[in-house]
Amino acid sequence: MEINILESFREDYKRLPKNIQAKADKQLRFLIENPKHPSLKVHRIEGTHGFWEFYLDRSYRCVYTQEGDTAVLRYIGPHDIIEKA
């Protein structure tokens, strides 16, 4: 899978603690190599039109949309980040 990183994602990423950035980097590698990797727990966000999320850990998420074989990374942060979707 390819990824496209939006500025909103870049800004969110910069605000993450360093240990969460490291988790994000690992999970993003999984997304690229195997989007069905079990640790991602990828699923559609209910009540949205085409927004998906995957887990960084129990408290942090990444929100993206899918355009063909490309994941468009939109937001990253604490669980309530999904409210932006």
PDB file of N, CA and C in Angstrom:
ATOM      1  N   MET A   1       0.842  -1.172   0.000  1.00  0.00           N
ATOM      2  CA  MET A   1       0.000   0.000   0.000  1.00  0.00           C
ATOM      3  C   MET A   1       0.891   1.240   0.000  1.00  0.00           C
ATOM      4  N   GLU A   2       0.453   2.245  -0.714  1.00  0.00           N
ATOM      5  CA  GLU A   2       1.153   3.525  -0.703  1.00  0.00           C
ATOM      6  C   GLU A   2       0.454   4.454   0.284  1.00  0.00           C
ATOM      7  N   ILE A   3       1.174   5.474   0.739  1.00  0.00           N
ATOM      8  CA  ILE A   3       0.556   6.446   1.641  1.00  0.00           C
ATOM      9  C   ILE A   3       0.774   7.864   1.123  1.00  0.00           C
ATOM     10  N   ASN A   4      -0.194   8.701   1.395  1.00  0.00           N
ATOM     11  CA  ASN A   4      -0.135  10.130   1.111  1.00  0.00           C
ATOM     12  C   ASN A   4      -0.373  10.819   2.450  1.00  0.00           C
ATOM     13  N   ILE A   5       0.549  11.675   2.855  1.00  0.00           N
ATOM     14  CA  ILE A   5       0.462  12.299   4.178  1.00  0.00           C
ATOM     15  C   ILE A   5       0.021  13.743   4.037  1.00  0.00           C
ATOM     16  N   LEU A   6      -1.134  14.066   4.614  1.00  0.00           N
ATOM     17  CA  LEU A   6      -1.643  15.433   4.589  1.00  0.00           C
ATOM     18  C   LEU A   6      -0.963  16.284   5.661  1.00  0.00           C
ATOM     19  N   GLU A   7      -0.989  17.582   5.464  1.00  0.00           N
ATOM     20  CA  GLU A   7      -0.377  18.510   6.420  1.00  0.00           C
ATOM     21  C   GLU A   7      -1.003  18.378   7.805  1.00  0.00           C
ATOM     22  N   SER A   8      -2.313  18.139   7.871  1.00  0.00           N
ATOM     23  CA  SER A   8      -2.983  17.964   9.169  1.00  0.00           C
ATOM     24  C   SER A   8      -2.352  16.809   9.946  1.00  0.00           C
ATOM     25  N   PHE A   9      -2.017  15.733   9.255  1.00  0.00           N
ATOM     26  CA  PHE A   9      -1.372  14.586   9.887  1.00  0.00           C
ATOM     27  C   PHE A   9       0.030  14.967  10.370  1.00  0.00           C
ATOM     28  N   ARG A  10       0.775  15.666   9.527  1.00  0.00           N
ATOM     29  CA  ARG A  10       2.136  16.072   9.896  1.00  0.00           C
ATOM     30  C   ARG A  10       2.136  16.929  11.163  1.00  0.00           C
ATOM     31  N   GLU A  11       1.183  17.851  11.249  1.00  0.00           N
ATOM     32  CA  GLU A  11       1.093  18.722  12.423  1.00  0.00           C
ATOM     33  C   GLU A  11       0.730  17.919  13.672  1.00  0.00           C
ATOM     34  N   ASP A  12      -0.237  17.007  13.534  1.00  0.00           N
ATOM     35  CA  ASP A  12      -0.605  16.149  14.668  1.00  0.00           C
ATOM     36  C   ASP A  12       0.596  15.313  15.122  1.00  0.00           C
ATOM     37  N   TYR A  13       1.320  14.745  14.157  1.00  0.00           N
ATOM     38  CA  TYR A  13       2.460  13.874  14.450  1.00  0.00           C
ATOM     39  C   TYR A  13       3.520  14.627  15.259  1.00  0.00           C
ATOM     40  N   LYS A  14       3.788  15.859  14.888  1.00  0.00           N
ATOM     41  CA  LYS A  14       4.807  16.661  15.582  1.00  0.00           C
ATOM     42  C   LYS A  14       4.466  16.862  17.059  1.00  0.00           C
ATOM     43  N   ARG A  15       3.173  16.869  17.381  1.00  0.00           N
ATOM     44  CA  ARG A  15       2.732  17.099  18.763  1.00  0.00           C
ATOM     45  C   ARG A  15       2.723  15.832  19.615  1.00  0.00           C
ATOM     46  N   LEU A  16       2.925  14.684  18.993  1.00  0.00           N
ATOM     47  CA  LEU A  16       2.917  13.422  19.738  1.00  0.00           C
ATOM     48  C   LEU A  16       4.175  13.285  20.585  1.00  0.00           C
ATOM     49  N   PRO A  17       4.059  12.628  21.743  1.00  0.00           N
ATOM     50  CA  PRO A  17       5.264  12.290  22.514  1.00  0.00           C
ATOM     51  C   PRO A  17       6.179  11.400  21.665  1.00  0.00           C
ATOM     52  N   LYS A  18       7.467  11.464  21.905  1.00  0.00           N
ATOM     53  CA  LYS A  18       8.445  10.709  21.118  1.00  0.00           C
ATOM     54  C   LYS A  18       8.165   9.204  21.124  1.00  0.00           C
ATOM     55  N   ASN A  19       7.756   8.662  22.270  1.00  0.00           N
ATOM     56  CA  ASN A  19       7.492   7.220  22.320  1.00  0.00           C
ATOM     57  C   ASN A  19       6.290   6.845  21.454  1.00  0.00           C
ATOM     58  N   ILE A  20       5.312   7.735  21.324  1.00  0.00           N
ATOM     59  CA  ILE A  20       4.152   7.468  20.470  1.00  0.00           C
ATOM     60  C   ILE A  20       4.543   7.645  19.001  1.00  0.00           C
ATOM     61  N   GLN A  21       5.423   8.593  18.707  1.00  0.00           N
ATOM     62  CA  GLN A  21       5.927   8.731  17.341  1.00  0.00           C
ATOM     63  C   GLN A  21       6.606   7.433  16.893  1.00  0.00           C
ATOM     64  N   ALA A  22       7.380   6.823  17.784  1.00  0.00           N
ATOM     65  CA  ALA A  22       8.048   5.565  17.454  1.00  0.00           C
ATOM     66  C   ALA A  22       7.027   4.465  17.165  1.00  0.00           C
ATOM     67  N   LYS A  23       5.961   4.413  17.966  1.00  0.00           N
ATOM     68  CA  LYS A  23       4.892   3.434  17.717  1.00  0.00           C
ATOM     69  C   LYS A  23       4.218   3.718  16.381  1.00  0.00           C
ATOM     70  N   ALA A  24       4.001   4.989  16.092  1.00  0.00           N
ATOM     71  CA  ALA A  24       3.375   5.370  14.823  1.00  0.00           C
ATOM     72  C   ALA A  24       4.238   4.932  13.649  1.00  0.00           C
ATOM     73  N   ASP A  25       5.526   5.148  13.751  1.00  0.00           N
ATOM     74  CA  ASP A  25       6.440   4.753  12.674  1.00  0.00           C
ATOM     75  C   ASP A  25       6.341   3.250  12.411  1.00  0.00           C
ATOM     76  N   LYS A  26       6.311   2.466  13.490  1.00  0.00           N
ATOM     77  CA  LYS A  26       6.217   1.014  13.357  1.00  0.00           C
ATOM     78  C   LYS A  26       4.895   0.612  12.702  1.00  0.00           C
ATOM     79  N   GLN A  27       3.797   1.187  13.170  1.00  0.00           N
ATOM     80  CA  GLN A  27       2.486   0.841  12.630  1.00  0.00           C
ATOM     81  C   GLN A  27       2.344   1.289  11.171  1.00  0.00           C
ATOM     82  N   LEU A  28       2.953   2.412  10.826  1.00  0.00           N
ATOM     83  CA  LEU A  28       2.907   2.868   9.433  1.00  0.00           C
ATOM     84  C   LEU A  28       3.668   1.903   8.522  1.00  0.00           C
ATOM     85  N   ARG A  29       4.763   1.359   9.010  1.00  0.00           N
ATOM     86  CA  ARG A  29       5.474   0.344   8.222  1.00  0.00           C
ATOM     87  C   ARG A  29       4.579  -0.876   7.999  1.00  0.00           C
ATOM     88  N   PHE A  30       3.856  -1.286   9.042  1.00  0.00           N
ATOM     89  CA  PHE A  30       2.908  -2.399   8.885  1.00  0.00           C
ATOM     90  C   PHE A  30       1.847  -2.055   7.847  1.00  0.00           C
ATOM     91  N   LEU A  31       1.314  -0.844   7.912  1.00  0.00           N
ATOM     92  CA  LEU A  31       0.270  -0.436   6.975  1.00  0.00           C
ATOM     93  C   LEU A  31       0.764  -0.534   5.534  1.00  0.00           C
ATOM     94  N   ILE A  32       1.987  -0.094   5.300  1.00  0.00           N
ATOM     95  CA  ILE A  32       2.560  -0.136   3.956  1.00  0.00           C
ATOM     96  C   ILE A  32       2.800  -1.583   3.504  1.00  0.00           C
ATOM     97  N   GLU A  33       3.367  -2.389   4.399  1.00  0.00           N
ATOM     98  CA  GLU A  33       3.762  -3.750   4.045  1.00  0.00           C
ATOM     99  C   GLU A  33       2.607  -4.746   4.070  1.00  0.00           C
ATOM    100  N   ASN A  34       1.695  -4.582   5.044  1.00  0.00           N
ATOM    101  CA  ASN A  34       0.598  -5.532   5.209  1.00  0.00           C
ATOM    102  C   ASN A  34      -0.570  -4.822   5.899  1.00  0.00           C
ATOM    103  N   PRO A  35      -1.447  -4.167   5.127  1.00  0.00           N
ATOM    104  CA  PRO A  35      -2.556  -3.414   5.731  1.00  0.00           C
ATOM    105  C   PRO A  35      -3.499  -4.256   6.593  1.00  0.00           C
ATOM    106  N   LYS A  36      -3.399  -5.573   6.491  1.00  0.00           N
ATOM    107  CA  LYS A  36      -4.247  -6.453   7.306  1.00  0.00           C
ATOM    108  C   LYS A  36      -3.515  -6.985   8.525  1.00  0.00           C
ATOM    109  N   HIS A  37      -2.370  -6.397   8.847  1.00  0.00           N
ATOM    110  CA  HIS A  37      -1.602  -6.847  10.016  1.00  0.00           C
ATOM    111  C   HIS A  37      -2.497  -6.755  11.247  1.00  0.00           C
ATOM    112  N   PRO A  38      -2.552  -7.816  12.061  1.00  0.00           N
ATOM    113  CA  PRO A  38      -3.475  -7.844  13.201  1.00  0.00           C
ATOM    114  C   PRO A  38      -3.273  -6.719  14.219  1.00  0.00           C
ATOM    115  N   SER A  39      -2.057  -6.236  14.403  1.00  0.00           N
ATOM    116  CA  SER A  39      -1.846  -5.201  15.427  1.00  0.00           C
ATOM    117  C   SER A  39      -2.434  -3.853  15.016  1.00  0.00           C
ATOM    118  N   LEU A  40      -2.725  -3.674  13.725  1.00  0.00           N
ATOM    119  CA  LEU A  40      -3.317  -2.412  13.269  1.00  0.00           C
ATOM    120  C   LEU A  40      -4.784  -2.286  13.686  1.00  0.00           C
ATOM    121  N   LYS A  41      -5.480  -3.410  13.701  1.00  0.00           N
ATOM    122  CA  LYS A  41      -6.913  -3.424  14.023  1.00  0.00           C
ATOM    123  C   LYS A  41      -7.678  -2.415  13.165  1.00  0.00           C
ATOM    124  N   VAL A  42      -7.398  -2.429  11.875  1.00  0.00           N
ATOM    125  CA  VAL A  42      -8.021  -1.504  10.931  1.00  0.00           C
ATOM    126  C   VAL A  42      -9.522  -1.721  10.894  1.00  0.00           C
ATOM    127  N   HIS A  43     -10.273  -0.615  10.941  1.00  0.00           N
ATOM    128  CA  HIS A  43     -11.723  -0.694  10.768  1.00  0.00           C
ATOM    129  C   HIS A  43     -12.288   0.665  10.372  1.00  0.00           C
ATOM    130  N   ARG A  44     -13.442   0.600   9.716  1.00  0.00           N
ATOM    131  CA  ARG A  44     -14.148   1.807   9.295  1.00  0.00           C
ATOM    132  C   ARG A  44     -14.702   2.505  10.534  1.00  0.00           C
ATOM    133  N   ILE A  45     -14.655   3.834  10.532  1.00  0.00           N
ATOM    134  CA  ILE A  45     -15.210   4.595  11.645  1.00  0.00           C
ATOM    135  C   ILE A  45     -16.709   4.736  11.417  1.00  0.00           C
ATOM    136  N   GLU A  46     -17.485   4.214  12.337  1.00  0.00           N
ATOM    137  CA  GLU A  46     -18.938   4.248  12.206  1.00  0.00           C
ATOM    138  C   GLU A  46     -19.445   5.680  12.102  1.00  0.00           C
ATOM    139  N   GLY A  47     -20.466   5.859  11.259  1.00  0.00           N
ATOM    140  CA  GLY A  47     -21.095   7.166  11.126  1.00  0.00           C
ATOM    141  C   GLY A  47     -20.342   8.128  10.228  1.00  0.00           C
ATOM    142  N   THR A  48     -19.304   7.652   9.540  1.00  0.00           N
ATOM    143  CA  THR A  48     -18.546   8.503   8.620  1.00  0.00           C
ATOM    144  C   THR A  48     -18.672   7.954   7.208  1.00  0.00           C
ATOM    145  N   HIS A  49     -18.262   8.741   6.261  1.00  0.00           N
ATOM    146  CA  HIS A  49     -18.286   8.319   4.865  1.00  0.00           C
ATOM    147  C   HIS A  49     -16.852   8.096   4.393  1.00  0.00           C
ATOM    148  N   GLY A  50     -16.381   6.872   4.573  1.00  0.00           N
ATOM    149  CA  GLY A  50     -15.084   6.500   4.041  1.00  0.00           C
ATOM    150  C   GLY A  50     -13.882   6.750   4.927  1.00  0.00           C
ATOM    151  N   PHE A  51     -14.093   7.049   6.207  1.00  0.00           N
ATOM    152  CA  PHE A  51     -12.962   7.225   7.113  1.00  0.00           C
ATOM    153  C   PHE A  51     -12.664   5.902   7.820  1.00  0.00           C
ATOM    154  N   TRP A  52     -11.372   5.618   7.931  1.00  0.00           N
ATOM    155  CA  TRP A  52     -10.889   4.402   8.571  1.00  0.00           C
ATOM    156  C   TRP A  52      -9.926   4.786   9.685  1.00  0.00           C
ATOM    157  N   GLU A  53      -9.717   3.872  10.611  1.00  0.00           N
ATOM    158  CA  GLU A  53      -8.726   4.108  11.661  1.00  0.00           C
ATOM    159  C   GLU A  53      -7.932   2.841  11.900  1.00  0.00           C
ATOM    160  N   PHE A  54      -6.718   3.043  12.421  1.00  0.00           N
ATOM    161  CA  PHE A  54      -5.940   1.921  12.937  1.00  0.00           C
ATOM    162  C   PHE A  54      -5.296   2.352  14.241  1.00  0.00           C
ATOM    163  N   TYR A  55      -4.946   1.359  15.033  1.00  0.00           N
ATOM    164  CA  TYR A  55      -4.423   1.582  16.371  1.00  0.00           C
ATOM    165  C   TYR A  55      -2.904   1.769  16.354  1.00  0.00           C
ATOM    166  N   LEU A  56      -2.441   2.717  17.158  1.00  0.00           N
ATOM    167  CA  LEU A  56      -1.016   2.798  17.478  1.00  0.00           C
ATOM    168  C   LEU A  56      -0.776   2.015  18.762  1.00  0.00           C
ATOM    169  N   ASP A  57      -1.713   2.194  19.700  1.00  0.00           N
ATOM    170  CA  ASP A  57      -1.749   1.433  20.953  1.00  0.00           C
ATOM    171  C   ASP A  57      -3.159   1.574  21.507  1.00  0.00           C
ATOM    172  N   ARG A  58      -3.357   1.290  22.768  1.00  0.00           N
ATOM    173  CA  ARG A  58      -4.711   1.343  23.338  1.00  0.00           C
ATOM    174  C   ARG A  58      -5.309   2.745  23.347  1.00  0.00           C
ATOM    175  N   SER A  59      -4.468   3.766  23.354  1.00  0.00           N
ATOM    176  CA  SER A  59      -4.960   5.135  23.505  1.00  0.00           C
ATOM    177  C   SER A  59      -4.807   6.020  22.276  1.00  0.00           C
ATOM    178  N   TYR A  60      -3.996   5.619  21.320  1.00  0.00           N
ATOM    179  CA  TYR A  60      -3.703   6.482  20.163  1.00  0.00           C
ATOM    180  C   TYR A  60      -4.150   5.820  18.866  1.00  0.00           C
ATOM    181  N   ARG A  61      -4.642   6.674  17.932  1.00  0.00           N
ATOM    182  CA  ARG A  61      -5.181   6.201  16.663  1.00  0.00           C
ATOM    183  C   ARG A  61      -4.657   7.023  15.500  1.00  0.00           C
ATOM    184  N   CYS A  62      -4.781   6.449  14.324  1.00  0.00           N
ATOM    185  CA  CYS A  62      -4.513   7.148  13.076  1.00  0.00           C
ATOM    186  C   CYS A  62      -5.780   7.067  12.237  1.00  0.00           C
ATOM    187  N   VAL A  63      -6.197   8.204  11.682  1.00  0.00           N
ATOM    188  CA  VAL A  63      -7.388   8.274  10.844  1.00  0.00           C
ATOM    189  C   VAL A  63      -6.944   8.521   9.402  1.00  0.00           C
ATOM    190  N   TYR A  64      -7.537   7.754   8.488  1.00  0.00           N
ATOM    191  CA  TYR A  64      -7.187   7.904   7.081  1.00  0.00           C
ATOM    192  C   TYR A  64      -8.385   7.596   6.198  1.00  0.00           C
ATOM    193  N   THR A  65      -8.246   7.960   4.932  1.00  0.00           N
ATOM    194  CA  THR A  65      -9.201   7.562   3.909  1.00  0.00           C
ATOM    195  C   THR A  65      -8.439   6.730   2.891  1.00  0.00           C
ATOM    196  N   GLN A  66      -9.190   6.022   2.078  1.00  0.00           N
ATOM    197  CA  GLN A  66      -8.581   5.140   1.091  1.00  0.00           C
ATOM    198  C   GLN A  66      -8.941   5.650  -0.303  1.00  0.00           C
ATOM    199  N   GLU A  67      -7.933   5.812  -1.133  1.00  0.00           N
ATOM    200  CA  GLU A  67      -8.135   6.183  -2.532  1.00  0.00           C
ATOM    201  C   GLU A  67      -7.402   5.153  -3.386  1.00  0.00           C
ATOM    202  N   GLY A  68      -8.132   4.154  -3.822  1.00  0.00           N
ATOM    203  CA  GLY A  68      -7.503   3.045  -4.545  1.00  0.00           C
ATOM    204  C   GLY A  68      -6.563   2.300  -3.631  1.00  0.00           C
ATOM    205  N   ASP A  69      -5.300   2.180  -4.038  1.00  0.00           N
ATOM    206  CA  ASP A  69      -4.290   1.501  -3.228  1.00  0.00           C
ATOM    207  C   ASP A  69      -3.503   2.464  -2.353  1.00  0.00           C
ATOM    208  N   THR A  70      -4.026   3.667  -2.167  1.00  0.00           N
ATOM    209  CA  THR A  70      -3.326   4.686  -1.386  1.00  0.00           C
ATOM    210  C   THR A  70      -4.120   5.026  -0.128  1.00  0.00           C
ATOM    211  N   ALA A  71      -3.431   5.001   1.009  1.00  0.00           N
ATOM    212  CA  ALA A  71      -4.025   5.462   2.271  1.00  0.00           C
ATOM    213  C   ALA A  71      -3.662   6.935   2.420  1.00  0.00           C
ATOM    214  N   VAL A  72      -4.675   7.785   2.551  1.00  0.00           N
ATOM    215  CA  VAL A  72      -4.454   9.215   2.740  1.00  0.00           C
ATOM    216  C   VAL A  72      -4.513   9.476   4.245  1.00  0.00           C
ATOM    217  N   LEU A  73      -3.342   9.690   4.858  1.00  0.00           N
ATOM    218  CA  LEU A  73      -3.262   9.880   6.303  1.00  0.00           C
ATOM    219  C   LEU A  73      -3.732  11.285   6.649  1.00  0.00           C
ATOM    220  N   ARG A  74      -4.767  11.368   7.486  1.00  0.00           N
ATOM    221  CA  ARG A  74      -5.400  12.645   7.785  1.00  0.00           C
ATOM    222  C   ARG A  74      -5.105  13.155   9.189  1.00  0.00           C
ATOM    223  N   TYR A  75      -5.259  12.300  10.205  1.00  0.00           N
ATOM    224  CA  TYR A  75      -5.083  12.723  11.594  1.00  0.00           C
ATOM    225  C   TYR A  75      -4.408  11.608  12.378  1.00  0.00           C
ATOM    226  N   ILE A  76      -3.715  12.005  13.445  1.00  0.00           N
ATOM    227  CA  ILE A  76      -3.105  11.035  14.345  1.00  0.00           C
ATOM    228  C   ILE A  76      -3.101  11.645  15.730  1.00  0.00           C
ATOM    229  N   GLY A  77      -3.452  10.836  16.738  1.00  0.00           N
ATOM    230  CA  GLY A  77      -3.459  11.362  18.094  1.00  0.00           C
ATOM    231  C   GLY A  77      -4.241  10.477  19.041  1.00  0.00           C
ATOM    232  N   PRO A  78      -4.600  11.026  20.206  1.00  0.00           N
ATOM    233  CA  PRO A  78      -5.378  10.274  21.182  1.00  0.00           C
ATOM    234  C   PRO A  78      -6.697   9.800  20.572  1.00  0.00           C
ATOM    235  N   HIS A  79      -7.303   8.800  21.186  1.00  0.00           N
ATOM    236  CA  HIS A  79      -8.510   8.172  20.651  1.00  0.00           C
ATOM    237  C   HIS A  79      -9.553   9.176  20.167  1.00  0.00           C
ATOM    238  N   ASP A  80      -9.728  10.301  20.857  1.00  0.00           N
ATOM    239  CA  ASP A  80     -10.771  11.251  20.449  1.00  0.00           C
ATOM    240  C   ASP A  80     -10.441  11.959  19.125  1.00  0.00           C
ATOM    241  N   ILE A  81      -9.300  11.666  18.531  1.00  0.00           N
ATOM    242  CA  ILE A  81      -8.948  12.231  17.230  1.00  0.00           C
ATOM    243  C   ILE A  81      -9.963  11.788  16.173  1.00  0.00           C
ATOM    244  N   ILE A  82     -10.630  10.659  16.407  1.00  0.00           N
ATOM    245  CA  ILE A  82     -11.588  10.166  15.423  1.00  0.00           C
ATOM    246  C   ILE A  82     -12.783  11.109  15.291  1.00  0.00           C
ATOM    247  N   GLU A  83     -12.990  11.987  16.246  1.00  0.00           N
ATOM    248  CA  GLU A  83     -14.087  12.948  16.150  1.00  0.00           C
ATOM    249  C   GLU A  83     -13.869  13.945  15.020  1.00  0.00           C
ATOM    250  N   LYS A  84     -12.633  14.082  14.520  1.00  0.00           N
ATOM    251  CA  LYS A  84     -12.357  14.966  13.398  1.00  0.00           C
ATOM    252  C   LYS A  84     -12.872  14.368  12.089  1.00  0.00           C
ATOM    253  N   ALA A  85     -13.095  13.055  12.081  1.00  0.00           N
ATOM    254  CA  ALA A  85     -13.491  12.371  10.830  1.00  0.00           C
ATOM    255  C   ALA A  85     -14.897  12.727  10.420  1.00  0.00           C
TER     256      ALA A  85
END
